[in-house]
Amino acid sequence: MKSKSKLSKLKRLPLLLLLPVLLATTCEDDNSTGFETTYYIQNDASEDLFFLTEVNDFILIESQSTFQLGSDLNSETEAIPPTESFIFSEIKLYKMLDDNFILVYTQDPINNDLWLLNEPSENRFDYNLVITDELLD
């Protein structure tokens, strides 16, 4: 009788070990639902620029490159305009001149009209702020 009971328990053991895997793969991930809006600074200027973060760090944005500021998620089918982003509240760009940072571009308050909106894929939106030499003069 005891050997039958042990055999029955051994048969259930693989099922118990697989239960967490089954639950993990069948549960919905709430973080993956929604729509993503990503914000970029595209440096089309002829010189390198530096983005000043809200914690006063400088991030290099090389000439002819693009820098991703970050992204926001929401449950609506619309993009989140730059003025409503939680990622940034202003844009300050600097250039380096004789070991000094010189402010060359400011967007404070943020102006949605200066950002280009794209929808590269379903549920995804991109806003690009294109910086040219003309904007820096």
Protein backbone atom coordinates (compact mmCIF):
# COMPACT_ATOMS: atom_id res chain seq x y z
CA MET A 1 0.00 0.00 0.00
CA LYS A 2 2.82 2.40 0.88
CA SER A 3 4.56 1.86 -2.46
CA LYS A 4 1.36 2.75 -4.32
CA SER A 5 1.08 6.00 -2.37
CA LYS A 6 4.72 6.92 -3.15
CA LEU A 7 4.18 6.11 -6.82
CA SER A 8 1.11 8.33 -6.94
CA LYS A 9 3.03 11.23 -5.37
CA LEU A 10 5.90 10.80 -7.85
CA LYS A 11 3.47 11.01 -10.76
CA ARG A 12 2.09 14.33 -9.47
CA LEU A 13 5.53 15.88 -8.86
CA PRO A 14 6.24 16.80 -12.52
CA LEU A 15 2.82 18.43 -12.77
CA LEU A 16 3.50 20.52 -9.68
CA LEU A 17 6.87 21.58 -11.06
CA LEU A 18 5.29 22.65 -14.36
CA LEU A 19 2.47 24.63 -12.73
CA PRO A 20 4.49 27.88 -12.22
CA VAL A 21 5.71 27.74 -15.82
CA LEU A 22 2.17 27.27 -17.11
CA LEU A 23 0.87 30.15 -15.01
CA ALA A 24 3.69 32.46 -16.05
CA THR A 25 3.16 31.86 -19.75
CA THR A 26 -0.62 32.18 -19.71
CA CYS A 27 -0.96 35.34 -17.58
CA GLU A 28 -1.27 38.63 -19.44
CA ASP A 29 1.42 41.22 -18.97
CA ASP A 30 -0.28 44.57 -18.23
CA ASN A 31 2.94 46.48 -19.01
CA SER A 32 2.92 45.44 -22.65
CA THR A 33 -0.50 46.87 -23.42
CA GLY A 34 -0.89 50.38 -24.67
CA PHE A 35 0.75 52.74 -27.07
CA GLU A 36 4.35 54.02 -26.95
CA THR A 37 5.51 57.51 -27.86
CA THR A 38 9.28 58.01 -28.20
CA TYR A 39 11.03 61.40 -28.36
CA TYR A 40 14.24 62.07 -30.30
CA ILE A 41 16.60 64.96 -30.89
CA GLN A 42 18.06 64.71 -34.39
CA ASN A 43 21.25 66.75 -34.69
CA ASP A 44 21.50 67.73 -38.36
CA ALA A 45 23.76 70.67 -37.45
CA SER A 46 27.40 70.77 -38.51
CA GLU A 47 28.70 70.63 -34.93
CA ASP A 48 28.32 68.41 -31.90
CA LEU A 49 25.75 69.49 -29.33
CA PHE A 50 25.23 68.73 -25.67
CA PHE A 51 21.82 68.11 -24.15
CA LEU A 52 21.40 69.29 -20.57
CA THR A 53 19.34 66.81 -18.57
CA GLU A 54 17.02 67.77 -15.73
CA VAL A 55 19.64 66.53 -13.26
CA ASN A 56 22.26 68.84 -14.84
CA ASP A 57 24.22 66.22 -16.74
CA PHE A 58 25.45 66.90 -20.27
CA ILE A 59 24.87 64.25 -22.93
CA LEU A 60 26.78 64.48 -26.20
CA ILE A 61 24.70 64.45 -29.40
CA GLU A 62 27.20 64.16 -32.22
CA SER A 63 26.66 66.01 -35.47
CA GLN A 64 24.50 64.02 -37.92
CA SER A 65 23.23 61.67 -35.19
CA THR A 66 20.02 61.11 -33.25
CA PHE A 67 19.56 60.94 -29.49
CA GLN A 68 16.60 59.25 -27.82
CA LEU A 69 15.25 61.33 -24.95
CA GLY A 70 12.94 58.56 -23.74
CA SER A 71 9.45 57.20 -24.21
CA ASP A 72 6.02 57.38 -22.61
CA LEU A 73 3.30 54.72 -22.55
CA ASN A 74 -0.44 55.28 -22.47
CA SER A 75 -3.62 53.30 -23.06
CA GLU A 76 -5.00 55.63 -25.74
CA THR A 77 -4.58 55.18 -29.48
CA GLU A 78 -3.03 58.63 -29.88
CA ALA A 79 0.54 59.86 -29.54
CA ILE A 80 1.48 61.84 -26.44
CA PRO A 81 2.54 65.31 -27.65
CA PRO A 82 5.89 66.63 -26.37
CA THR A 83 4.09 69.21 -24.19
CA GLU A 84 2.41 66.36 -22.29
CA SER A 85 5.47 64.15 -21.90
CA PHE A 86 6.66 63.15 -18.45
CA ILE A 87 10.20 62.68 -19.79
CA PHE A 88 11.19 66.35 -20.16
CA SER A 89 9.78 69.82 -19.59
CA GLU A 90 12.31 71.83 -21.60
CA ILE A 91 15.10 71.35 -24.12
CA LYS A 92 18.47 73.07 -23.69
CA LEU A 93 21.28 72.41 -26.14
CA TYR A 94 24.83 73.65 -25.80
CA LYS A 95 28.01 73.64 -27.81
CA MET A 96 31.54 73.48 -26.44
CA LEU A 97 33.70 76.56 -26.96
CA ASP A 98 37.11 76.82 -25.26
CA ASP A 99 36.14 74.30 -22.57
CA ASN A 100 32.92 76.21 -21.84
CA PHE A 101 29.36 75.18 -22.55
CA ILE A 102 27.53 77.86 -24.56
CA LEU A 103 23.73 77.72 -24.77
CA VAL A 104 22.75 77.63 -28.47
CA TYR A 105 19.14 76.37 -28.41
CA THR A 106 16.28 76.49 -25.91
CA GLN A 107 12.75 75.23 -26.09
CA ASP A 108 11.04 76.41 -22.90
CA PRO A 109 8.14 76.01 -22.95
CA ILE A 110 8.02 73.03 -25.29
CA ASN A 111 6.50 73.83 -28.69
CA ASN A 112 4.69 70.88 -30.33
CA ASP A 113 4.81 72.59 -33.73
CA LEU A 114 8.60 72.14 -33.90
CA TRP A 115 8.43 68.35 -33.45
CA LEU A 116 7.81 65.97 -36.38
CA LEU A 117 5.41 63.09 -35.69
CA ASN A 118 5.90 59.65 -37.30
CA GLU A 119 4.15 56.33 -36.77
CA PRO A 120 6.84 53.75 -37.62
CA SER A 121 4.69 50.79 -36.55
CA GLU A 122 1.34 49.96 -35.03
CA ASN A 123 1.00 51.16 -31.43
CA ARG A 124 4.19 53.24 -31.74
CA PHE A 125 4.72 56.95 -32.35
CA ASP A 126 7.93 58.96 -32.70
CA TYR A 127 8.43 62.68 -32.23
CA ASN A 128 11.63 64.14 -33.72
CA LEU A 129 13.06 67.55 -32.94
CA VAL A 130 15.35 68.26 -35.90
CA ILE A 131 18.16 70.69 -35.07
CA THR A 132 19.80 72.42 -38.03
CA ASP A 133 22.49 75.09 -38.29
CA GLU A 134 19.76 77.64 -39.08
CA LEU A 135 18.07 76.96 -35.73
CA LEU A 136 21.33 77.52 -33.89
CA ASP A 137 22.11 80.92 -35.44
